Amino acid sequence: SGLHSTFYRDSVKGRFTISRDDAKNTVYLQANSLKPEDT
């Protein structure tokens, strides 16, 4: 959200992290411990 509140679907909790840099108008998704079903 605009206040940096986050939500994750159950299958990615603990593995993915979403973040945003408003100054750069950019949103990131750090995806760790990737699984074949993330394809």
Full PDB file with SEQRES, HELIX, SHEET, SSBOND, CRYST1, ORIGX, SCALE, CONECT and MASTER records, all heavy atoms in Angstrom:
SEQRES   1 A   39  SER GLY LEU HIS SER THR PHE TYR ARG ASP SER VAL LYS          
SEQRES   2 A   39  GLY ARG PHE THR ILE SER ARG ASP ASP ALA LYS ASN THR          
SEQRES   3 A   39  VAL TYR LEU GLN ALA ASN SER LEU LYS PRO GLU ASP THR          
HELIX    1 AA1 ASP A   10  VAL A   12  5                                   3    
HELIX    2 AA2 ASP A   22  LYS A   24  5                                   3    
HELIX    3 AA3 PRO A   36  ASP A   38  5                                   3    
SHEET    1 AA1 2 PHE A  16  ASP A  21  0                                        
SHEET    2 AA1 2 THR A  26  ALA A  31 -1                                        
CRYST1    1.000    1.000    1.000  90.00  90.00  90.00 P 1           1          
ORIGX1      1.000000  0.000000  0.000000        0.00000                         
ORIGX2      0.000000  1.000000  0.000000        0.00000                         
ORIGX3      0.000000  0.000000  1.000000        0.00000                         
SCALE1      1.000000  0.000000  0.000000        0.00000                         
SCALE2      0.000000  1.000000  0.000000        0.00000                         
SCALE3      0.000000  0.000000  1.000000        0.00000                         
ATOM      1  N   SER A   1       0.838  -1.205   0.000  1.00  0.00           N  
ATOM      2  CA  SER A   1       0.000   0.000   0.000  1.00  0.00           C  
ATOM      3  C   SER A   1       0.867   1.248   0.000  1.00  0.00           C  
ATOM      4  O   SER A   1       2.096   1.195   0.113  1.00  0.00           O  
ATOM      5  CB  SER A   1      -0.910  -0.010   1.229  1.00  0.00           C  
ATOM      6  OG  SER A   1      -0.142   0.261   2.396  1.00  0.00           O  
ATOM      7  N   GLY A   2       0.193   2.377  -0.078  1.00  0.00           N  
ATOM      8  CA  GLY A   2       0.896   3.645  -0.007  1.00  0.00           C  
ATOM      9  C   GLY A   2       1.586   3.870   1.328  1.00  0.00           C  
ATOM     10  O   GLY A   2       2.552   4.627   1.418  1.00  0.00           O  
ATOM     11  N   LEU A   3       1.097   3.185   2.352  1.00  0.00           N  
ATOM     12  CA  LEU A   3       1.714   3.268   3.677  1.00  0.00           C  
ATOM     13  C   LEU A   3       2.665   2.103   3.929  1.00  0.00           C  
ATOM     14  O   LEU A   3       3.063   1.871   5.063  1.00  0.00           O  
ATOM     15  CB  LEU A   3       0.619   3.303   4.746  1.00  0.00           C  
ATOM     16  CG  LEU A   3      -0.309   4.520   4.681  1.00  0.00           C  
ATOM     17  CD1 LEU A   3      -1.395   4.425   5.761  1.00  0.00           C  
ATOM     18  CD2 LEU A   3       0.474   5.815   4.837  1.00  0.00           C  
ATOM     19  N   HIS A   4       2.968   1.366   2.870  1.00  0.00           N  
ATOM     20  CA  HIS A   4       3.929   0.249   2.913  1.00  0.00           C  
ATOM     21  C   HIS A   4       3.406  -0.965   3.671  1.00  0.00           C  
ATOM     22  O   HIS A   4       4.193  -1.808   4.113  1.00  0.00           O  
ATOM     23  CB  HIS A   4       5.284   0.691   3.471  1.00  0.00           C  
ATOM     24  CG  HIS A   4       6.016   1.642   2.569  1.00  0.00           C  
ATOM     25  ND1 HIS A   4       7.346   1.498   2.243  1.00  0.00           N  
ATOM     26  CD2 HIS A   4       5.610   2.740   1.915  1.00  0.00           C  
ATOM     27  CE1 HIS A   4       7.712   2.472   1.429  1.00  0.00           C  
ATOM     28  NE2 HIS A   4       6.673   3.235   1.217  1.00  0.00           N  
ATOM     29  N   SER A   5       2.108  -1.064   3.805  1.00  0.00           N  
ATOM     30  CA  SER A   5       1.521  -2.286   4.342  1.00  0.00           C  
ATOM     31  C   SER A   5       1.557  -3.347   3.257  1.00  0.00           C  
ATOM     32  O   SER A   5       1.220  -3.071   2.105  1.00  0.00           O  
ATOM     33  CB  SER A   5       0.079  -2.012   4.761  1.00  0.00           C  
ATOM     34  OG  SER A   5      -0.549  -3.180   5.196  1.00  0.00           O  
ATOM     35  N   THR A   6       1.959  -4.559   3.621  1.00  0.00           N  
ATOM     36  CA  THR A   6       2.159  -5.595   2.615  1.00  0.00           C  
ATOM     37  C   THR A   6       1.225  -6.775   2.803  1.00  0.00           C  
ATOM     38  O   THR A   6       0.725  -7.039   3.905  1.00  0.00           O  
ATOM     39  CB  THR A   6       3.605  -6.105   2.624  1.00  0.00           C  
ATOM     40  OG1 THR A   6       3.913  -6.611   3.935  1.00  0.00           O  
ATOM     41  CG2 THR A   6       4.580  -4.995   2.262  1.00  0.00           C  
ATOM     42  N   PHE A   7       1.011  -7.476   1.690  1.00  0.00           N  
ATOM     43  CA  PHE A   7       0.218  -8.698   1.671  1.00  0.00           C  
ATOM     44  C   PHE A   7       0.927  -9.689   0.760  1.00  0.00           C  
ATOM     45  O   PHE A   7       1.487  -9.310  -0.268  1.00  0.00           O  
ATOM     46  CB  PHE A   7      -1.184  -8.432   1.135  1.00  0.00           C  
ATOM     47  CG  PHE A   7      -1.936  -9.686   0.777  1.00  0.00           C  
ATOM     48  CD1 PHE A   7      -2.599 -10.406   1.752  1.00  0.00           C  
ATOM     49  CD2 PHE A   7      -1.933 -10.169  -0.526  1.00  0.00           C  
ATOM     50  CE1 PHE A   7      -3.267 -11.579   1.431  1.00  0.00           C  
ATOM     51  CE2 PHE A   7      -2.601 -11.329  -0.860  1.00  0.00           C  
ATOM     52  CZ  PHE A   7      -3.273 -12.031   0.122  1.00  0.00           C  
ATOM     53  N   TYR A   8       0.906 -10.973   1.164  1.00  0.00           N  
ATOM     54  CA  TYR A   8       1.506 -12.037   0.354  1.00  0.00           C  
ATOM     55  C   TYR A   8       0.538 -13.208   0.268  1.00  0.00           C  
ATOM     56  O   TYR A   8      -0.101 -13.566   1.258  1.00  0.00           O  
ATOM     57  CB  TYR A   8       2.808 -12.523   0.978  1.00  0.00           C  
ATOM     58  CG  TYR A   8       3.859 -11.461   1.106  1.00  0.00           C  
ATOM     59  CD1 TYR A   8       4.006 -10.726   2.280  1.00  0.00           C  
ATOM     60  CD2 TYR A   8       4.717 -11.168   0.043  1.00  0.00           C  
ATOM     61  CE1 TYR A   8       4.952  -9.732   2.396  1.00  0.00           C  
ATOM     62  CE2 TYR A   8       5.678 -10.176   0.154  1.00  0.00           C  
ATOM     63  CZ  TYR A   8       5.787  -9.460   1.324  1.00  0.00           C  
ATOM     64  OH  TYR A   8       6.742  -8.478   1.434  1.00  0.00           O  
ATOM     65  N   ARG A   9       0.476 -13.808  -0.917  1.00  0.00           N  
ATOM     66  CA  ARG A   9      -0.296 -15.040  -1.002  1.00  0.00           C  
ATOM     67  C   ARG A   9       0.435 -16.110  -0.196  1.00  0.00           C  
ATOM     68  O   ARG A   9       1.660 -16.054  -0.019  1.00  0.00           O  
ATOM     69  CB  ARG A   9      -0.488 -15.467  -2.451  1.00  0.00           C  
ATOM     70  CG  ARG A   9       0.781 -15.780  -3.207  1.00  0.00           C  
ATOM     71  CD  ARG A   9       0.454 -16.107  -4.660  1.00  0.00           C  
ATOM     72  NE  ARG A   9      -0.303 -17.339  -4.784  1.00  0.00           N  
ATOM     73  CZ  ARG A   9      -1.020 -17.649  -5.853  1.00  0.00           C  
ATOM     74  NH1 ARG A   9      -1.102 -16.800  -6.872  1.00  0.00           N  
ATOM     75  NH2 ARG A   9      -1.676 -18.779  -5.915  1.00  0.00           N  
ATOM     76  N   ASP A  10      -0.301 -17.089   0.290  1.00  0.00           N  
ATOM     77  CA  ASP A  10       0.275 -18.076   1.200  1.00  0.00           C  
ATOM     78  C   ASP A  10       1.488 -18.781   0.615  1.00  0.00           C  
ATOM     79  O   ASP A  10       2.456 -19.080   1.328  1.00  0.00           O  
ATOM     80  CB  ASP A  10      -0.786 -19.118   1.580  1.00  0.00           C  
ATOM     81  CG  ASP A  10      -1.823 -18.569   2.545  1.00  0.00           C  
ATOM     82  OD1 ASP A  10      -1.582 -17.488   3.129  1.00  0.00           O  
ATOM     83  OD2 ASP A  10      -2.873 -19.219   2.710  1.00  0.00           O  
ATOM     84  N   SER A  11       1.462 -19.063  -0.677  1.00  0.00           N  
ATOM     85  CA  SER A  11       2.525 -19.867  -1.285  1.00  0.00           C  
ATOM     86  C   SER A  11       3.876 -19.160  -1.326  1.00  0.00           C  
ATOM     87  O   SER A  11       4.896 -19.811  -1.562  1.00  0.00           O  
ATOM     88  CB  SER A  11       2.126 -20.288  -2.701  1.00  0.00           C  
ATOM     89  OG  SER A  11       1.946 -19.155  -3.527  1.00  0.00           O  
ATOM     90  N   VAL A  12       3.900 -17.835  -1.097  1.00  0.00           N  
ATOM     91  CA  VAL A  12       5.181 -17.113  -1.173  1.00  0.00           C  
ATOM     92  C   VAL A  12       5.578 -16.489   0.165  1.00  0.00           C  
ATOM     93  O   VAL A  12       6.655 -15.889   0.259  1.00  0.00           O  
ATOM     94  CB  VAL A  12       5.154 -16.021  -2.268  1.00  0.00           C  
ATOM     95  CG1 VAL A  12       4.758 -16.626  -3.613  1.00  0.00           C  
ATOM     96  CG2 VAL A  12       4.253 -14.863  -1.897  1.00  0.00           C  
ATOM     97  N   LYS A  13       4.749 -16.628   1.155  1.00  0.00           N  
ATOM     98  CA  LYS A  13       5.070 -16.055   2.467  1.00  0.00           C  
ATOM     99  C   LYS A  13       6.392 -16.603   2.986  1.00  0.00           C  
ATOM    100  O   LYS A  13       6.643 -17.809   2.943  1.00  0.00           O  
ATOM    101  CB  LYS A  13       3.958 -16.364   3.470  1.00  0.00           C  
ATOM    102  CG  LYS A  13       2.727 -15.498   3.302  1.00  0.00           C  
ATOM    103  CD  LYS A  13       1.679 -15.844   4.354  1.00  0.00           C  
ATOM    104  CE  LYS A  13       0.429 -14.984   4.184  1.00  0.00           C  
ATOM    105  NZ  LYS A  13      -0.632 -15.347   5.155  1.00  0.00           N  
ATOM    106  N   GLY A  14       7.230 -15.695   3.472  1.00  0.00           N  
ATOM    107  CA  GLY A  14       8.534 -16.097   3.985  1.00  0.00           C  
ATOM    108  C   GLY A  14       9.596 -16.248   2.911  1.00  0.00           C  
ATOM    109  O   GLY A  14      10.781 -16.404   3.219  1.00  0.00           O  
ATOM    110  N   ARG A  15       9.204 -16.210   1.642  1.00  0.00           N  
ATOM    111  CA  ARG A  15      10.165 -16.350   0.544  1.00  0.00           C  
ATOM    112  C   ARG A  15      10.290 -15.075  -0.285  1.00  0.00           C  
ATOM    113  O   ARG A  15      11.365 -14.764  -0.778  1.00  0.00           O  
ATOM    114  CB  ARG A  15       9.749 -17.501  -0.381  1.00  0.00           C  
ATOM    115  CG  ARG A  15       9.667 -18.846   0.314  1.00  0.00           C  
ATOM    116  CD  ARG A  15       9.475 -19.987  -0.695  1.00  0.00           C  
ATOM    117  NE  ARG A  15       8.235 -19.891  -1.448  1.00  0.00           N  
ATOM    118  CZ  ARG A  15       8.169 -19.806  -2.771  1.00  0.00           C  
ATOM    119  NH1 ARG A  15       9.268 -19.792  -3.498  1.00  0.00           N  
ATOM    120  NH2 ARG A  15       6.991 -19.754  -3.377  1.00  0.00           N  
ATOM    121  N   PHE A  16       9.190 -14.366  -0.459  1.00  0.00           N  
ATOM    122  CA  PHE A  16       9.182 -13.167  -1.298  1.00  0.00           C  
ATOM    123  C   PHE A  16       9.016 -11.918  -0.431  1.00  0.00           C  
ATOM    124  O   PHE A  16       8.351 -11.951   0.604  1.00  0.00           O  
ATOM    125  CB  PHE A  16       8.021 -13.204  -2.291  1.00  0.00           C  
ATOM    126  CG  PHE A  16       8.167 -14.205  -3.409  1.00  0.00           C  
ATOM    127  CD1 PHE A  16       9.122 -15.207  -3.383  1.00  0.00           C  
ATOM    128  CD2 PHE A  16       7.310 -14.161  -4.501  1.00  0.00           C  
ATOM    129  CE1 PHE A  16       9.243 -16.127  -4.404  1.00  0.00           C  
ATOM    130  CE2 PHE A  16       7.412 -15.064  -5.541  1.00  0.00           C  
ATOM    131  CZ  PHE A  16       8.388 -16.060  -5.492  1.00  0.00           C  
ATOM    132  N   THR A  17       9.602 -10.812  -0.895  1.00  0.00           N  
ATOM    133  CA  THR A  17       9.459  -9.525  -0.212  1.00  0.00           C  
ATOM    134  C   THR A  17       9.187  -8.451  -1.245  1.00  0.00           C  
ATOM    135  O   THR A  17       9.970  -8.271  -2.182  1.00  0.00           O  
ATOM    136  CB  THR A  17      10.731  -9.172   0.571  1.00  0.00           C  
ATOM    137  OG1 THR A  17      11.023 -10.199   1.515  1.00  0.00           O  
ATOM    138  CG2 THR A  17      10.538  -7.851   1.317  1.00  0.00           C  
ATOM    139  N   ILE A  18       8.084  -7.742  -1.057  1.00  0.00           N  
ATOM    140  CA  ILE A  18       7.750  -6.639  -1.946  1.00  0.00           C  
ATOM    141  C   ILE A  18       8.170  -5.325  -1.292  1.00  0.00           C  
ATOM    142  O   ILE A  18       8.075  -5.166  -0.073  1.00  0.00           O  
ATOM    143  CB  ILE A  18       6.230  -6.625  -2.276  1.00  0.00           C  
ATOM    144  CG1 ILE A  18       5.915  -5.598  -3.359  1.00  0.00           C  
ATOM    145  CG2 ILE A  18       5.393  -6.397  -1.030  1.00  0.00           C  
ATOM    146  CD1 ILE A  18       4.477  -5.693  -3.889  1.00  0.00           C  
ATOM    147  N   SER A  19       8.674  -4.406  -2.105  1.00  0.00           N  
ATOM    148  CA  SER A  19       9.074  -3.099  -1.588  1.00  0.00           C  
ATOM    149  C   SER A  19       8.856  -2.060  -2.687  1.00  0.00           C  
ATOM    150  O   SER A  19       8.597  -2.404  -3.839  1.00  0.00           O  
ATOM    151  CB  SER A  19      10.535  -3.113  -1.131  1.00  0.00           C  
ATOM    152  OG  SER A  19      11.401  -3.414  -2.208  1.00  0.00           O  
ATOM    153  N   ARG A  20       8.968  -0.814  -2.316  1.00  0.00           N  
ATOM    154  CA  ARG A  20       8.743   0.252  -3.279  1.00  0.00           C  
ATOM    155  C   ARG A  20       9.673   1.409  -2.989  1.00  0.00           C  
ATOM    156  O   ARG A  20      10.019   1.663  -1.837  1.00  0.00           O  
ATOM    157  CB  ARG A  20       7.295   0.720  -3.230  1.00  0.00           C  
ATOM    158  CG  ARG A  20       6.838   1.147  -1.841  1.00  0.00           C  
ATOM    159  CD  ARG A  20       5.340   1.334  -1.759  1.00  0.00           C  
ATOM    160  NE  ARG A  20       4.927   2.544  -2.453  1.00  0.00           N  
ATOM    161  CZ  ARG A  20       3.665   2.825  -2.722  1.00  0.00           C  
ATOM    162  NH1 ARG A  20       2.707   1.987  -2.389  1.00  0.00           N  
ATOM    163  NH2 ARG A  20       3.358   3.948  -3.337  1.00  0.00           N  
ATOM    164  N   ASP A  21      10.058   2.113  -4.045  1.00  0.00           N  
ATOM    165  CA  ASP A  21      10.860   3.321  -3.929  1.00  0.00           C  
ATOM    166  C   ASP A  21      10.092   4.408  -4.659  1.00  0.00           C  
ATOM    167  O   ASP A  21      10.149   4.509  -5.888  1.00  0.00           O  
ATOM    168  CB  ASP A  21      12.247   3.094  -4.541  1.00  0.00           C  
ATOM    169  CG  ASP A  21      13.169   4.285  -4.333  1.00  0.00           C  
ATOM    170  OD1 ASP A  21      12.683   5.420  -4.179  1.00  0.00           O  
ATOM    171  OD2 ASP A  21      14.394   4.074  -4.351  1.00  0.00           O  
ATOM    172  N   ASP A  22       9.350   5.196  -3.912  1.00  0.00           N  
ATOM    173  CA  ASP A  22       8.495   6.209  -4.530  1.00  0.00           C  
ATOM    174  C   ASP A  22       9.295   7.247  -5.316  1.00  0.00           C  
ATOM    175  O   ASP A  22       8.830   7.756  -6.335  1.00  0.00           O  
ATOM    176  CB  ASP A  22       7.654   6.904  -3.454  1.00  0.00           C  
ATOM    177  CG  ASP A  22       6.628   5.972  -2.837  1.00  0.00           C  
ATOM    178  OD1 ASP A  22       6.473   4.846  -3.341  1.00  0.00           O  
ATOM    179  OD2 ASP A  22       5.976   6.374  -1.849  1.00  0.00           O  
ATOM    180  N   ALA A  23      10.493   7.563  -4.837  1.00  0.00           N  
ATOM    181  CA  ALA A  23      11.317   8.556  -5.535  1.00  0.00           C  
ATOM    182  C   ALA A  23      11.711   8.076  -6.920  1.00  0.00           C  
ATOM    183  O   ALA A  23      11.904   8.878  -7.834  1.00  0.00           O  
ATOM    184  CB  ALA A  23      12.556   8.876  -4.710  1.00  0.00           C  
ATOM    185  N   LYS A  24      11.840   6.750  -7.071  1.00  0.00           N  
ATOM    186  CA  LYS A  24      12.229   6.179  -8.359  1.00  0.00           C  
ATOM    187  C   LYS A  24      11.034   5.621  -9.129  1.00  0.00           C  
ATOM    188  O   LYS A  24      11.220   5.063 -10.206  1.00  0.00           O  
ATOM    189  CB  LYS A  24      13.265   5.074  -8.147  1.00  0.00           C  
ATOM    190  CG  LYS A  24      14.587   5.563  -7.581  1.00  0.00           C  
ATOM    191  CD  LYS A  24      15.571   4.408  -7.442  1.00  0.00           C  
ATOM    192  CE  LYS A  24      16.913   4.906  -6.911  1.00  0.00           C  
ATOM    193  NZ  LYS A  24      17.887   3.786  -6.757  1.00  0.00           N  
ATOM    194  N   ASN A  25       9.836   5.749  -8.562  1.00  0.00           N  
ATOM    195  CA  ASN A  25       8.635   5.183  -9.194  1.00  0.00           C  
ATOM    196  C   ASN A  25       8.846   3.711  -9.547  1.00  0.00           C  
ATOM    197  O   ASN A  25       8.494   3.255 -10.640  1.00  0.00           O  
ATOM    198  CB  ASN A  25       8.261   5.966 -10.454  1.00  0.00           C  
ATOM    199  CG  ASN A  25       7.783   7.359 -10.134  1.00  0.00           C  
ATOM    200  OD1 ASN A  25       7.027   7.556  -9.187  1.00  0.00           O  
ATOM    201  ND2 ASN A  25       8.244   8.334 -10.890  1.00  0.00           N  
ATOM    202  N   THR A  26       9.405   2.972  -8.616  1.00  0.00           N  
ATOM    203  CA  THR A  26       9.763   1.584  -8.874  1.00  0.00           C  
ATOM    204  C   THR A  26       9.281   0.696  -7.738  1.00  0.00           C  
ATOM    205  O   THR A  26       9.369   1.076  -6.565  1.00  0.00           O  
ATOM    206  CB  THR A  26      11.282   1.438  -9.051  1.00  0.00           C  
ATOM    207  OG1 THR A  26      11.712   2.279 -10.124  1.00  0.00           O  
ATOM    208  CG2 THR A  26      11.659   0.000  -9.386  1.00  0.00           C  
ATOM    209  N   VAL A  27       8.782  -0.465  -8.115  1.00  0.00           N  
ATOM    210  CA  VAL A  27       8.366  -1.488  -7.163  1.00  0.00           C  
ATOM    211  C   VAL A  27       9.247  -2.711  -7.385  1.00  0.00           C  
ATOM    212  O   VAL A  27       9.565  -3.052  -8.531  1.00  0.00           O  
ATOM    213  CB  VAL A  27       6.887  -1.874  -7.362  1.00  0.00           C  
ATOM    214  CG1 VAL A  27       6.453  -2.874  -6.308  1.00  0.00           C  
ATOM    215  CG2 VAL A  27       6.014  -0.632  -7.316  1.00  0.00           C  
ATOM    216  N   TYR A  28       9.637  -3.347  -6.297  1.00  0.00           N  
ATOM    217  CA  TYR A  28      10.529  -4.500  -6.379  1.00  0.00           C  
ATOM    218  C   TYR A  28       9.859  -5.738  -5.798  1.00  0.00           C  
ATOM    219  O   TYR A  28       8.976  -5.644  -4.943  1.00  0.00           O  
ATOM    220  CB  TYR A  28      11.816  -4.234  -5.603  1.00  0.00           C  
ATOM    221  CG  TYR A  28      12.565  -3.001  -6.048  1.00  0.00           C  
ATOM    222  CD1 TYR A  28      12.421  -1.792  -5.371  1.00  0.00           C  
ATOM    223  CD2 TYR A  28      13.415  -3.042  -7.149  1.00  0.00           C  
ATOM    224  CE1 TYR A  28      13.101  -0.654  -5.769  1.00  0.00           C  
ATOM    225  CE2 TYR A  28      14.095  -1.910  -7.563  1.00  0.00           C  
ATOM    226  CZ  TYR A  28      13.941  -0.715  -6.868  1.00  0.00           C  
ATOM    227  OH  TYR A  28      14.614   0.405  -7.279  1.00  0.00           O  
ATOM    228  N   LEU A  29      10.322  -6.884  -6.253  1.00  0.00           N  
ATOM    229  CA  LEU A  29       9.922  -8.149  -5.642  1.00  0.00           C  
ATOM    230  C   LEU A  29      11.184  -8.991  -5.505  1.00  0.00           C  
ATOM    231  O   LEU A  29      11.757  -9.432  -6.503  1.00  0.00           O  
ATOM    232  CB  LEU A  29       8.889  -8.881  -6.486  1.00  0.00           C  
ATOM    233  CG  LEU A  29       8.322 -10.143  -5.843  1.00  0.00           C  
ATOM    234  CD1 LEU A  29       7.457  -9.790  -4.625  1.00  0.00           C  
ATOM    235  CD2 LEU A  29       7.510 -10.953  -6.849  1.00  0.00           C  
ATOM    236  N   GLN A  30      11.629  -9.153  -4.273  1.00  0.00           N  
ATOM    237  CA  GLN A  30      12.757 -10.034  -3.995  1.00  0.00           C  
ATOM    238  C   GLN A  30      12.204 -11.439  -3.812  1.00  0.00           C  
ATOM    239  O   GLN A  30      11.422 -11.684  -2.888  1.00  0.00           O  
ATOM    240  CB  GLN A  30      13.504  -9.577  -2.736  1.00  0.00           C  
ATOM    241  CG  GLN A  30      14.664 -10.461  -2.351  1.00  0.00           C  
ATOM    242  CD  GLN A  30      15.793 -10.421  -3.371  1.00  0.00           C  
ATOM    243  OE1 GLN A  30      16.160  -9.355  -3.855  1.00  0.00           O  
ATOM    244  NE2 GLN A  30      16.342 -11.584  -3.703  1.00  0.00           N  
ATOM    245  N   ALA A  31      12.596 -12.329  -4.697  1.00  0.00           N  
ATOM    246  CA  ALA A  31      12.080 -13.695  -4.683  1.00  0.00           C  
ATOM    247  C   ALA A  31      13.206 -14.645  -4.327  1.00  0.00           C  
ATOM    248  O   ALA A  31      14.160 -14.806  -5.097  1.00  0.00           O  
ATOM    249  CB  ALA A  31      11.496 -14.039  -6.051  1.00  0.00           C  
ATOM    250  N   ASN A  32      13.105 -15.241  -3.142  1.00  0.00           N  
ATOM    251  CA  ASN A  32      14.114 -16.181  -2.661  1.00  0.00           C  
ATOM    252  C   ASN A  32      13.532 -17.600  -2.587  1.00  0.00           C  
ATOM    253  O   ASN A  32      12.318 -17.781  -2.635  1.00  0.00           O  
ATOM    254  CB  ASN A  32      14.603 -15.771  -1.275  1.00  0.00           C  
ATOM    255  CG  ASN A  32      15.260 -14.402  -1.262  1.00  0.00           C  
ATOM    256  OD1 ASN A  32      15.876 -13.982  -2.237  1.00  0.00           O  
ATOM    257  ND2 ASN A  32      15.138 -13.694  -0.146  1.00  0.00           N  
ATOM    258  N   SER A  33      14.403 -18.557  -2.456  1.00  0.00           N  
ATOM    259  CA  SER A  33      13.989 -19.965  -2.337  1.00  0.00           C  
ATOM    260  C   SER A  33      12.972 -20.322  -3.416  1.00  0.00           C  
ATOM    261  O   SER A  33      11.936 -20.920  -3.128  1.00  0.00           O  
ATOM    262  CB  SER A  33      13.402 -20.221  -0.941  1.00  0.00           C  
ATOM    263  OG  SER A  33      14.334 -19.899   0.065  1.00  0.00           O  
ATOM    264  N   LEU A  34      13.297 -19.974  -4.628  1.00  0.00           N  
ATOM    265  CA  LEU A  34      12.356 -20.173  -5.726  1.00  0.00           C  
ATOM    266  C   LEU A  34      12.072 -21.649  -5.963  1.00  0.00           C  
ATOM    267  O   LEU A  34      12.953 -22.507  -5.796  1.00  0.00           O  
ATOM    268  CB  LEU A  34      12.895 -19.522  -6.998  1.00  0.00           C  
ATOM    269  CG  LEU A  34      12.731 -17.995  -7.025  1.00  0.00           C  
ATOM    270  CD1 LEU A  34      13.685 -17.362  -8.030  1.00  0.00           C  
ATOM    271  CD2 LEU A  34      11.291 -17.638  -7.360  1.00  0.00           C  
ATOM    272  N   LYS A  35      10.827 -21.911  -6.344  1.00  0.00           N  
ATOM    273  CA  LYS A  35      10.361 -23.272  -6.591  1.00  0.00           C  
ATOM    274  C   LYS A  35       9.882 -23.388  -8.038  1.00  0.00           C  
ATOM    275  O   LYS A  35       9.488 -22.389  -8.645  1.00  0.00           O  
ATOM    276  CB  LYS A  35       9.208 -23.600  -5.646  1.00  0.00           C  
ATOM    277  CG  LYS A  35       9.533 -23.473  -4.167  1.00  0.00           C  
ATOM    278  CD  LYS A  35       8.307 -23.754  -3.318  1.00  0.00           C  
ATOM    279  CE  LYS A  35       8.628 -23.637  -1.838  1.00  0.00           C  
ATOM    280  NZ  LYS A  35       7.425 -23.924  -0.988  1.00  0.00           N  
ATOM    281  N   PRO A  36       9.847 -24.595  -8.571  1.00  0.00           N  
ATOM    282  CA  PRO A  36       9.354 -24.754  -9.952  1.00  0.00           C  
ATOM    283  C   PRO A  36       7.956 -24.169 -10.154  1.00  0.00           C  
ATOM    284  O   PRO A  36       7.662 -23.643 -11.243  1.00  0.00           O  
ATOM    285  CB  PRO A  36       9.361 -26.272 -10.135  1.00  0.00           C  
ATOM    286  CG  PRO A  36      10.479 -26.736  -9.262  1.00  0.00           C  
ATOM    287  CD  PRO A  36      10.405 -25.852  -8.041  1.00  0.00           C  
ATOM    288  N   GLU A  37       7.120 -24.221  -9.135  1.00  0.00           N  
ATOM    289  CA  GLU A  37       5.757 -23.685  -9.285  1.00  0.00           C  
ATOM    290  C   GLU A  37       5.716 -22.160  -9.339  1.00  0.00           C  
ATOM    291  O   GLU A  37       4.646 -21.575  -9.570  1.00  0.00           O  
ATOM    292  CB  GLU A  37       4.843 -24.190  -8.164  1.00  0.00           C  
ATOM    293  CG  GLU A  37       5.385 -23.993  -6.767  1.00  0.00           C  
ATOM    294  CD  GLU A  37       6.086 -25.236  -6.228  1.00  0.00           C  
ATOM    295  OE1 GLU A  37       6.844 -25.881  -6.998  1.00  0.00           O  
ATOM    296  OE2 GLU A  37       5.889 -25.548  -5.033  1.00  0.00           O  
ATOM    297  N   ASP A  38       6.839 -21.503  -9.115  1.00  0.00           N  
ATOM    298  CA  ASP A  38       6.907 -20.043  -9.290  1.00  0.00           C  
ATOM    299  C   ASP A  38       7.111 -19.661 -10.752  1.00  0.00           C  
ATOM    300  O   ASP A  38       7.092 -18.474 -11.099  1.00  0.00           O  
ATOM    301  CB  ASP A  38       8.066 -19.459  -8.465  1.00  0.00           C  
ATOM    302  CG  ASP A  38       7.877 -19.646  -6.979  1.00  0.00           C  
ATOM    303  OD1 ASP A  38       6.746 -19.454  -6.488  1.00  0.00           O  
ATOM    304  OD2 ASP A  38       8.873 -19.966  -6.293  1.00  0.00           O  
ATOM    305  N   THR A  39       7.322 -20.660 -11.588  1.00  0.00           N  
ATOM    306  CA  THR A  39       7.535 -20.394 -13.012  1.00  0.00           C  
ATOM    307  C   THR A  39       6.322 -19.709 -13.630  1.00  0.00           C  
ATOM    308  O   THR A  39       5.190 -20.136 -13.429  1.00  0.00           O  
ATOM    309  CB  THR A  39       7.819 -21.708 -13.752  1.00  0.00           C  
ATOM    310  OG1 THR A  39       9.074 -22.225 -13.298  1.00  0.00           O  
ATOM    311  CG2 THR A  39       7.876 -21.496 -15.259  1.00  0.00           C  
TER     312      THR A  39                                                      
MASTER        0    0    0    3    2    0    0    6  311    1    0    3          
END                                                                             
